[in-house]
Amino acid sequence: MFTTRAATVEDIKAITDIYNEAVLTTDATFDLEPKTEEEQRAWLDSHDSMHPVLMAEQDGAVIGWASLSEWSSRFAYVATAEISLYVKEEFRGKGAGRKLMEDIMREGERVGLHTVLARIVTGNAVSIHLHESVGFERVGIMREVGEKFGRTLDVLLMQRIY
């Protein structure tokens, strides 16, 4: 059974390890180089009560995380966030991502967000389906905006309005 909880500074190593696995093996993130724990701590510190980070656990072990991050520093976007979600490879497809998605979206509503945006590489059918299953809609495609693993990539922009 998967449980979620708020992230703490003690989770920095797990956050970093899970993210770096995605950096090195997937196009779910457009980062090309692994992050350091110091960089990920600064990232976690940038989150506030309007921008939660949740950890997923199974039997006390961290297996994934999700966050709602500031979309833009311009004040007009104060009620808009961008979602990120990463699960360790061996736990993908087993329900941890769904649990994280449902819980982080519930947190976004609780803290008063109006809109959550997602940027997903167009070939990631699993992520697209997961987002659609919790109410995200496709709003457009940004063509050829990224390059990773020798491929030029399109990004689907998705949105959920509470």
N, C-alpha and C. Protein backbone atom coordinates (compact mmCIF):
# COMPACT_ATOMS: atom_id res chain seq x y z
N MET A 1 0.84 -1.19 0.00
CA MET A 1 0.00 0.00 0.00
C MET A 1 0.88 1.25 0.00
N PHE A 2 0.48 2.21 -0.78
CA PHE A 2 1.23 3.46 -0.89
C PHE A 2 0.62 4.50 0.03
N THR A 3 1.48 5.29 0.67
CA THR A 3 1.03 6.43 1.46
C THR A 3 1.79 7.65 0.99
N THR A 4 1.22 8.82 1.25
CA THR A 4 1.92 10.06 0.93
C THR A 4 2.00 10.93 2.16
N ARG A 5 2.99 11.80 2.15
CA ARG A 5 3.20 12.75 3.25
C ARG A 5 3.97 13.94 2.70
N ALA A 6 3.96 15.01 3.47
CA ALA A 6 4.71 16.21 3.09
C ALA A 6 6.21 15.92 3.10
N ALA A 7 6.92 16.50 2.15
CA ALA A 7 8.37 16.35 2.08
C ALA A 7 9.04 17.17 3.18
N THR A 8 10.18 16.69 3.63
CA THR A 8 11.01 17.41 4.60
C THR A 8 12.45 17.45 4.07
N VAL A 9 13.29 18.21 4.72
CA VAL A 9 14.70 18.28 4.30
C VAL A 9 15.37 16.92 4.39
N GLU A 10 14.86 16.04 5.24
CA GLU A 10 15.43 14.70 5.34
C GLU A 10 15.19 13.88 4.06
N ASP A 11 14.32 14.36 3.20
CA ASP A 11 14.01 13.65 1.95
C ASP A 11 14.89 14.07 0.78
N ILE A 12 15.83 14.99 1.00
CA ILE A 12 16.63 15.53 -0.11
C ILE A 12 17.34 14.43 -0.88
N LYS A 13 17.95 13.48 -0.20
CA LYS A 13 18.68 12.42 -0.91
C LYS A 13 17.71 11.61 -1.78
N ALA A 14 16.57 11.24 -1.25
CA ALA A 14 15.60 10.47 -2.03
C ALA A 14 15.07 11.28 -3.21
N ILE A 15 14.74 12.55 -2.97
CA ILE A 15 14.27 13.41 -4.06
C ILE A 15 15.32 13.48 -5.16
N THR A 16 16.57 13.68 -4.78
CA THR A 16 17.67 13.79 -5.74
C THR A 16 17.87 12.49 -6.50
N ASP A 17 17.90 11.38 -5.79
CA ASP A 17 18.13 10.08 -6.44
C ASP A 17 17.01 9.75 -7.43
N ILE A 18 15.78 9.95 -7.03
CA ILE A 18 14.64 9.63 -7.91
C ILE A 18 14.64 10.55 -9.13
N TYR A 19 14.90 11.84 -8.91
CA TYR A 19 14.94 12.77 -10.03
C TYR A 19 16.08 12.44 -10.99
N ASN A 20 17.26 12.17 -10.45
CA ASN A 20 18.41 11.89 -11.30
C ASN A 20 18.23 10.62 -12.11
N GLU A 21 17.52 9.63 -11.57
CA GLU A 21 17.20 8.44 -12.35
C GLU A 21 16.42 8.84 -13.61
N ALA A 22 15.45 9.75 -13.43
CA ALA A 22 14.66 10.23 -14.57
C ALA A 22 15.51 11.05 -15.53
N VAL A 23 16.40 11.88 -15.00
CA VAL A 23 17.28 12.69 -15.85
C VAL A 23 18.08 11.79 -16.78
N LEU A 24 18.64 10.72 -16.24
CA LEU A 24 19.57 9.87 -16.98
C LEU A 24 18.89 8.85 -17.89
N THR A 25 17.62 8.52 -17.62
CA THR A 25 17.01 7.39 -18.34
C THR A 25 15.72 7.72 -19.07
N THR A 26 15.17 8.92 -18.89
CA THR A 26 13.88 9.24 -19.51
C THR A 26 13.91 10.63 -20.13
N ASP A 27 12.88 10.91 -20.92
CA ASP A 27 12.70 12.28 -21.41
C ASP A 27 11.54 12.96 -20.67
N ALA A 28 11.22 12.44 -19.48
CA ALA A 28 10.18 13.07 -18.64
C ALA A 28 10.65 14.41 -18.10
N THR A 29 11.95 14.61 -18.01
CA THR A 29 12.53 15.89 -17.66
C THR A 29 13.50 16.29 -18.76
N PHE A 30 13.60 17.56 -19.01
CA PHE A 30 14.53 18.02 -20.03
C PHE A 30 15.88 18.41 -19.43
N ASP A 31 16.07 18.19 -18.12
CA ASP A 31 17.42 18.33 -17.57
C ASP A 31 18.30 17.28 -18.22
N LEU A 32 19.53 17.64 -18.51
CA LEU A 32 20.46 16.72 -19.15
C LEU A 32 21.53 16.22 -18.19
N GLU A 33 21.75 16.94 -17.11
CA GLU A 33 22.77 16.58 -16.13
C GLU A 33 22.12 16.33 -14.78
N PRO A 34 22.61 15.32 -14.05
CA PRO A 34 22.06 15.07 -12.70
C PRO A 34 22.20 16.30 -11.80
N LYS A 35 21.28 16.41 -10.86
CA LYS A 35 21.30 17.50 -9.88
C LYS A 35 22.07 17.05 -8.64
N THR A 36 22.63 18.01 -7.93
CA THR A 36 23.27 17.71 -6.66
C THR A 36 22.24 17.82 -5.54
N GLU A 37 22.56 17.27 -4.41
CA GLU A 37 21.65 17.40 -3.26
C GLU A 37 21.50 18.87 -2.86
N GLU A 38 22.55 19.66 -3.02
CA GLU A 38 22.46 21.08 -2.69
C GLU A 38 21.48 21.80 -3.63
N GLU A 39 21.53 21.47 -4.91
CA GLU A 39 20.58 22.06 -5.86
C GLU A 39 19.15 21.66 -5.53
N GLN A 40 18.95 20.42 -5.17
CA GLN A 40 17.60 19.95 -4.85
C GLN A 40 17.11 20.52 -3.52
N ARG A 41 18.02 20.79 -2.61
CA ARG A 41 17.62 21.44 -1.37
C ARG A 41 17.13 22.86 -1.66
N ALA A 42 17.84 23.58 -2.52
CA ALA A 42 17.40 24.93 -2.90
C ALA A 42 16.04 24.86 -3.59
N TRP A 43 15.85 23.84 -4.43
CA TRP A 43 14.56 23.64 -5.09
C TRP A 43 13.46 23.41 -4.05
N LEU A 44 13.71 22.53 -3.09
CA LEU A 44 12.71 22.26 -2.05
C LEU A 44 12.44 23.52 -1.22
N ASP A 45 13.49 24.25 -0.91
CA ASP A 45 13.33 25.50 -0.13
C ASP A 45 12.50 26.54 -0.87
N SER A 46 12.45 26.45 -2.20
CA SER A 46 11.67 27.42 -2.99
C SER A 46 10.17 27.15 -2.91
N HIS A 47 9.79 26.03 -2.35
CA HIS A 47 8.37 25.69 -2.21
C HIS A 47 7.84 26.24 -0.90
N ASP A 48 6.60 26.71 -0.95
CA ASP A 48 5.97 27.30 0.23
C ASP A 48 4.60 26.65 0.43
N SER A 49 3.79 27.23 1.27
CA SER A 49 2.49 26.62 1.57
C SER A 49 1.58 26.53 0.35
N MET A 50 1.76 27.40 -0.63
CA MET A 50 0.96 27.33 -1.87
C MET A 50 1.54 26.33 -2.87
N HIS A 51 2.72 25.84 -2.61
CA HIS A 51 3.42 24.97 -3.56
C HIS A 51 3.98 23.75 -2.82
N PRO A 52 3.11 22.78 -2.52
CA PRO A 52 3.52 21.62 -1.73
C PRO A 52 4.37 20.62 -2.50
N VAL A 53 5.12 19.84 -1.74
CA VAL A 53 5.87 18.69 -2.25
C VAL A 53 5.46 17.50 -1.40
N LEU A 54 5.03 16.43 -2.05
CA LEU A 54 4.63 15.22 -1.35
C LEU A 54 5.56 14.07 -1.69
N MET A 55 5.77 13.20 -0.72
CA MET A 55 6.56 12.00 -0.89
C MET A 55 5.64 10.80 -0.88
N ALA A 56 5.92 9.81 -1.71
CA ALA A 56 5.19 8.54 -1.68
C ALA A 56 6.09 7.50 -1.02
N GLU A 57 5.47 6.71 -0.16
CA GLU A 57 6.20 5.65 0.53
C GLU A 57 5.47 4.33 0.41
N GLN A 58 6.25 3.27 0.45
CA GLN A 58 5.70 1.92 0.59
C GLN A 58 6.54 1.21 1.65
N ASP A 59 5.87 0.74 2.67
CA ASP A 59 6.55 0.06 3.79
C ASP A 59 7.68 0.91 4.35
N GLY A 60 7.45 2.23 4.44
CA GLY A 60 8.43 3.14 5.03
C GLY A 60 9.55 3.59 4.12
N ALA A 61 9.61 3.07 2.90
CA ALA A 61 10.65 3.45 1.95
C ALA A 61 10.09 4.44 0.94
N VAL A 62 10.83 5.53 0.67
CA VAL A 62 10.41 6.53 -0.31
C VAL A 62 10.54 5.93 -1.71
N ILE A 63 9.46 6.06 -2.49
CA ILE A 63 9.46 5.50 -3.84
C ILE A 63 9.11 6.52 -4.92
N GLY A 64 8.76 7.75 -4.51
CA GLY A 64 8.43 8.78 -5.49
C GLY A 64 8.08 10.09 -4.82
N TRP A 65 7.91 11.10 -5.64
CA TRP A 65 7.51 12.42 -5.13
C TRP A 65 6.75 13.19 -6.20
N ALA A 66 5.97 14.15 -5.73
CA ALA A 66 5.23 15.05 -6.61
C ALA A 66 5.30 16.45 -6.04
N SER A 67 5.27 17.44 -6.91
CA SER A 67 5.31 18.83 -6.45
C SER A 67 4.41 19.71 -7.30
N LEU A 68 4.00 20.80 -6.68
CA LEU A 68 3.35 21.91 -7.38
C LEU A 68 4.27 23.10 -7.21
N SER A 69 4.84 23.55 -8.32
CA SER A 69 5.83 24.62 -8.29
C SER A 69 5.27 25.89 -8.89
N GLU A 70 5.85 27.00 -8.49
CA GLU A 70 5.44 28.30 -9.03
C GLU A 70 5.59 28.28 -10.55
N TRP A 71 4.52 28.68 -11.25
CA TRP A 71 4.56 28.73 -12.71
C TRP A 71 5.36 29.94 -13.18
N SER A 72 5.18 31.06 -12.52
CA SER A 72 5.87 32.29 -12.89
C SER A 72 5.96 33.17 -11.65
N SER A 73 7.00 33.97 -11.58
CA SER A 73 7.14 34.89 -10.45
C SER A 73 6.26 36.13 -10.60
N ARG A 74 5.65 36.32 -11.76
CA ARG A 74 4.75 37.47 -11.95
C ARG A 74 3.49 37.26 -11.12
N PHE A 75 3.09 38.28 -10.40
CA PHE A 75 2.02 38.13 -9.41
C PHE A 75 0.69 37.68 -10.00
N ALA A 76 0.41 38.02 -11.24
CA ALA A 76 -0.86 37.63 -11.84
C ALA A 76 -1.01 36.11 -11.93
N TYR A 77 0.09 35.38 -11.83
CA TYR A 77 0.07 33.92 -11.89
C TYR A 77 0.04 33.27 -10.51
N VAL A 78 -0.25 34.02 -9.47
CA VAL A 78 -0.14 33.51 -8.11
C VAL A 78 -0.95 32.25 -7.86
N ALA A 79 -2.05 32.06 -8.54
CA ALA A 79 -2.91 30.88 -8.32
C ALA A 79 -2.71 29.81 -9.38
N THR A 80 -1.57 29.87 -10.09
CA THR A 80 -1.23 28.89 -11.12
C THR A 80 0.06 28.19 -10.71
N ALA A 81 0.08 26.87 -10.85
CA ALA A 81 1.27 26.09 -10.52
C ALA A 81 1.54 25.08 -11.62
N GLU A 82 2.74 24.53 -11.61
CA GLU A 82 3.12 23.46 -12.54
C GLU A 82 3.38 22.20 -11.73
N ILE A 83 2.84 21.10 -12.20
CA ILE A 83 3.00 19.82 -11.52
C ILE A 83 4.23 19.07 -12.04
N SER A 84 4.89 18.38 -11.12
CA SER A 84 5.96 17.43 -11.45
C SER A 84 5.70 16.18 -10.65
N LEU A 85 6.03 15.03 -11.22
CA LEU A 85 5.80 13.76 -10.54
C LEU A 85 6.83 12.75 -11.04
N TYR A 86 7.53 12.13 -10.09
CA TYR A 86 8.57 11.15 -10.43
C TYR A 86 8.45 9.96 -9.50
N VAL A 87 8.54 8.75 -10.07
CA VAL A 87 8.45 7.51 -9.31
C VAL A 87 9.65 6.64 -9.69
N LYS A 88 10.24 5.98 -8.70
CA LYS A 88 11.33 5.06 -8.98
C LYS A 88 10.90 4.05 -10.04
N GLU A 89 11.83 3.71 -10.91
CA GLU A 89 11.50 2.85 -12.05
C GLU A 89 10.79 1.56 -11.64
N GLU A 90 11.24 0.89 -10.61
CA GLU A 90 10.66 -0.40 -10.25
C GLU A 90 9.25 -0.30 -9.67
N PHE A 91 8.79 0.92 -9.37
CA PHE A 91 7.44 1.11 -8.83
C PHE A 91 6.48 1.74 -9.85
N ARG A 92 6.97 2.03 -11.03
CA ARG A 92 6.10 2.62 -12.06
C ARG A 92 5.07 1.60 -12.53
N GLY A 93 3.85 2.07 -12.78
CA GLY A 93 2.79 1.20 -13.26
C GLY A 93 2.12 0.38 -12.18
N LYS A 94 2.39 0.70 -10.91
CA LYS A 94 1.84 -0.09 -9.80
C LYS A 94 0.91 0.71 -8.90
N GLY A 95 0.61 1.96 -9.29
CA GLY A 95 -0.34 2.76 -8.53
C GLY A 95 0.25 3.89 -7.70
N ALA A 96 1.56 3.93 -7.55
CA ALA A 96 2.18 4.99 -6.76
C ALA A 96 1.99 6.36 -7.43
N GLY A 97 2.15 6.41 -8.75
CA GLY A 97 1.97 7.66 -9.47
C GLY A 97 0.55 8.18 -9.35
N ARG A 98 -0.42 7.29 -9.46
CA ARG A 98 -1.83 7.70 -9.32
C ARG A 98 -2.08 8.25 -7.93
N LYS A 99 -1.58 7.57 -6.90
CA LYS A 99 -1.77 8.03 -5.52
C LYS A 99 -1.14 9.41 -5.33
N LEU A 100 0.07 9.58 -5.81
CA LEU A 100 0.73 10.89 -5.73
C LEU A 100 -0.06 11.96 -6.47
N MET A 101 -0.50 11.64 -7.69
CA MET A 101 -1.24 12.60 -8.52
C MET A 101 -2.52 13.03 -7.81
N GLU A 102 -3.29 12.08 -7.33
CA GLU A 102 -4.55 12.41 -6.67
C GLU A 102 -4.30 13.26 -5.43
N ASP A 103 -3.30 12.89 -4.64
CA ASP A 103 -3.04 13.61 -3.39
C ASP A 103 -2.46 15.01 -3.63
N ILE A 104 -1.55 15.15 -4.60
CA ILE A 104 -0.98 16.48 -4.84
C ILE A 104 -2.04 17.41 -5.43
N MET A 105 -2.93 16.87 -6.25
CA MET A 105 -4.00 17.70 -6.81
C MET A 105 -4.98 18.12 -5.72
N ARG A 106 -5.25 17.24 -4.80
CA ARG A 106 -6.12 17.59 -3.66
C ARG A 106 -5.46 18.69 -2.82
N GLU A 107 -4.15 18.60 -2.64
CA GLU A 107 -3.41 19.64 -1.91
C GLU A 107 -3.49 20.98 -2.64
N GLY A 108 -3.34 20.94 -3.95
CA GLY A 108 -3.44 22.17 -4.73
C GLY A 108 -4.77 22.85 -4.55
N GLU A 109 -5.82 22.09 -4.54
CA GLU A 109 -7.16 22.65 -4.32
C GLU A 109 -7.27 23.20 -2.90
N ARG A 110 -6.74 22.45 -1.93
CA ARG A 110 -6.82 22.86 -0.53
C ARG A 110 -6.12 24.20 -0.28
N VAL A 111 -4.98 24.42 -0.95
CA VAL A 111 -4.23 25.66 -0.71
C VAL A 111 -4.74 26.82 -1.54
N GLY A 112 -5.73 26.58 -2.40
CA GLY A 112 -6.35 27.68 -3.13
C GLY A 112 -5.83 27.94 -4.52
N LEU A 113 -5.12 26.97 -5.11
CA LEU A 113 -4.72 27.16 -6.50
C LEU A 113 -5.95 27.16 -7.40
N HIS A 114 -5.86 27.85 -8.50
CA HIS A 114 -6.94 27.90 -9.48
C HIS A 114 -6.65 26.99 -10.67
N THR A 115 -5.39 26.96 -11.09
CA THR A 115 -4.99 26.23 -12.29
C THR A 115 -3.68 25.49 -12.03
N VAL A 116 -3.60 24.26 -12.53
CA VAL A 116 -2.35 23.52 -12.52
C VAL A 116 -2.02 23.15 -13.97
N LEU A 117 -0.79 23.42 -14.36
CA LEU A 117 -0.30 23.14 -15.70
C LEU A 117 0.68 21.97 -15.67
N ALA A 118 0.72 21.24 -16.77
CA ALA A 118 1.68 20.15 -16.93
C ALA A 118 2.30 20.25 -18.31
N ARG A 119 3.61 20.04 -18.37
CA ARG A 119 4.31 19.96 -19.64
C ARG A 119 4.83 18.52 -19.77
N ILE A 120 4.36 17.81 -20.81
CA ILE A 120 4.67 16.40 -20.96
C ILE A 120 5.17 16.15 -22.38
N VAL A 121 6.30 15.46 -22.51
CA VAL A 121 6.80 15.14 -23.84
C VAL A 121 5.74 14.31 -24.56
N THR A 122 5.52 14.61 -25.83
CA THR A 122 4.37 14.04 -26.55
C THR A 122 4.39 12.52 -26.61
N GLY A 123 5.50 11.86 -26.52
CA GLY A 123 5.55 10.41 -26.58
C GLY A 123 5.25 9.69 -25.28
N ASN A 124 5.02 10.43 -24.20
CA ASN A 124 4.83 9.81 -22.89
C ASN A 124 3.34 9.52 -22.65
N ALA A 125 2.85 8.47 -23.31
CA ALA A 125 1.43 8.14 -23.25
C ALA A 125 0.95 7.82 -21.84
N VAL A 126 1.78 7.19 -21.02
CA VAL A 126 1.39 6.84 -19.66
C VAL A 126 1.13 8.10 -18.84
N SER A 127 2.04 9.07 -18.92
CA SER A 127 1.87 10.31 -18.17
C SER A 127 0.67 11.10 -18.68
N ILE A 128 0.50 11.15 -19.99
CA ILE A 128 -0.64 11.86 -20.56
C ILE A 128 -1.94 11.25 -20.06
N HIS A 129 -2.02 9.94 -20.10
CA HIS A 129 -3.23 9.24 -19.62
C HIS A 129 -3.47 9.51 -18.14
N LEU A 130 -2.42 9.45 -17.33
CA LEU A 130 -2.56 9.71 -15.90
C LEU A 130 -3.11 11.11 -15.65
N HIS A 131 -2.58 12.10 -16.33
CA HIS A 131 -3.06 13.46 -16.17
C HIS A 131 -4.53 13.59 -16.61
N GLU A 132 -4.87 13.00 -17.75
CA GLU A 132 -6.25 13.06 -18.21
C GLU A 132 -7.20 12.39 -17.21
N SER A 133 -6.74 11.34 -16.56
CA SER A 133 -7.60 10.60 -15.63
C SER A 133 -7.97 11.39 -14.38
N VAL A 134 -7.22 12.46 -14.11
CA VAL A 134 -7.55 13.32 -12.95
C VAL A 134 -8.03 14.70 -13.39
N GLY A 135 -8.46 14.81 -14.64
CA GLY A 135 -9.12 16.04 -15.08
C GLY A 135 -8.30 17.02 -15.88
N PHE A 136 -7.07 16.69 -16.23
CA PHE A 136 -6.30 17.59 -17.09
C PHE A 136 -6.81 17.50 -18.51
N GLU A 137 -6.76 18.62 -19.21
CA GLU A 137 -7.15 18.68 -20.62
C GLU A 137 -5.96 19.16 -21.44
N ARG A 138 -5.91 18.70 -22.67
CA ARG A 138 -4.86 19.14 -23.60
C ARG A 138 -5.18 20.55 -24.07
N VAL A 139 -4.18 21.44 -24.00
CA VAL A 139 -4.41 22.81 -24.44
C VAL A 139 -3.50 23.24 -25.59
N GLY A 140 -2.50 22.44 -25.91
CA GLY A 140 -1.66 22.79 -27.04
C GLY A 140 -0.37 22.00 -27.06
N ILE A 141 0.30 22.08 -28.20
CA ILE A 141 1.59 21.41 -28.36
C ILE A 141 2.64 22.46 -28.70
N MET A 142 3.72 22.43 -27.96
CA MET A 142 4.87 23.28 -28.26
C MET A 142 5.82 22.42 -29.10
N ARG A 143 5.99 22.79 -30.33
CA ARG A 143 6.74 21.99 -31.30
C ARG A 143 8.25 22.21 -31.18
N GLU A 144 8.97 21.09 -31.16
CA GLU A 144 10.43 21.07 -31.25
C GLU A 144 11.08 22.02 -30.24
N VAL A 145 10.65 21.95 -28.99
CA VAL A 145 11.18 22.86 -27.97
C VAL A 145 12.29 22.24 -27.13
N GLY A 146 12.51 20.94 -27.26
CA GLY A 146 13.55 20.29 -26.48
C GLY A 146 14.35 19.31 -27.31
N GLU A 147 15.55 18.99 -26.80
CA GLU A 147 16.38 18.00 -27.46
C GLU A 147 17.03 17.15 -26.39
N LYS A 148 16.81 15.83 -26.49
CA LYS A 148 17.40 14.92 -25.51
C LYS A 148 17.60 13.57 -26.18
N PHE A 149 18.67 12.90 -25.82
CA PHE A 149 19.00 11.58 -26.37
C PHE A 149 19.02 11.61 -27.90
N GLY A 150 19.47 12.74 -28.46
CA GLY A 150 19.62 12.86 -29.90
C GLY A 150 18.33 13.05 -30.67
N ARG A 151 17.25 13.36 -29.95
CA ARG A 151 15.96 13.58 -30.61
C ARG A 151 15.44 14.97 -30.30
N THR A 152 14.78 15.59 -31.27
CA THR A 152 14.08 16.84 -31.06
C THR A 152 12.67 16.50 -30.59
N LEU A 153 12.22 17.15 -29.52
CA LEU A 153 10.99 16.74 -28.84
C LEU A 153 9.94 17.84 -28.80
N ASP A 154 8.70 17.40 -28.96
CA ASP A 154 7.53 18.27 -28.78
C ASP A 154 7.02 18.09 -27.35
N VAL A 155 6.37 19.12 -26.83
CA VAL A 155 5.82 19.07 -25.48
C VAL A 155 4.34 19.41 -25.53
N LEU A 156 3.55 18.54 -24.92
CA LEU A 156 2.12 18.75 -24.78
C LEU A 156 1.88 19.59 -23.51
N LEU A 157 1.13 20.65 -23.65
CA LEU A 157 0.74 21.46 -22.50
C LEU A 157 -0.65 21.02 -22.10
N MET A 158 -0.79 20.67 -20.82
CA MET A 158 -2.07 20.24 -20.28
C MET A 158 -2.43 21.15 -19.10
N GLN A 159 -3.73 21.22 -18.81
CA GLN A 159 -4.20 22.15 -17.78
C GLN A 159 -5.40 21.54 -17.05
N ARG A 160 -5.39 21.75 -15.75
CA ARG A 160 -6.59 21.45 -14.96
C ARG A 160 -6.98 22.71 -14.20
N ILE A 161 -8.24 23.09 -14.34
CA ILE A 161 -8.78 24.21 -13.61
C ILE A 161 -9.67 23.64 -12.50
N TYR A 162 -9.46 24.12 -11.28
CA TYR A 162 -10.27 23.63 -10.16
C TYR A 162 -11.67 24.21 -10.22
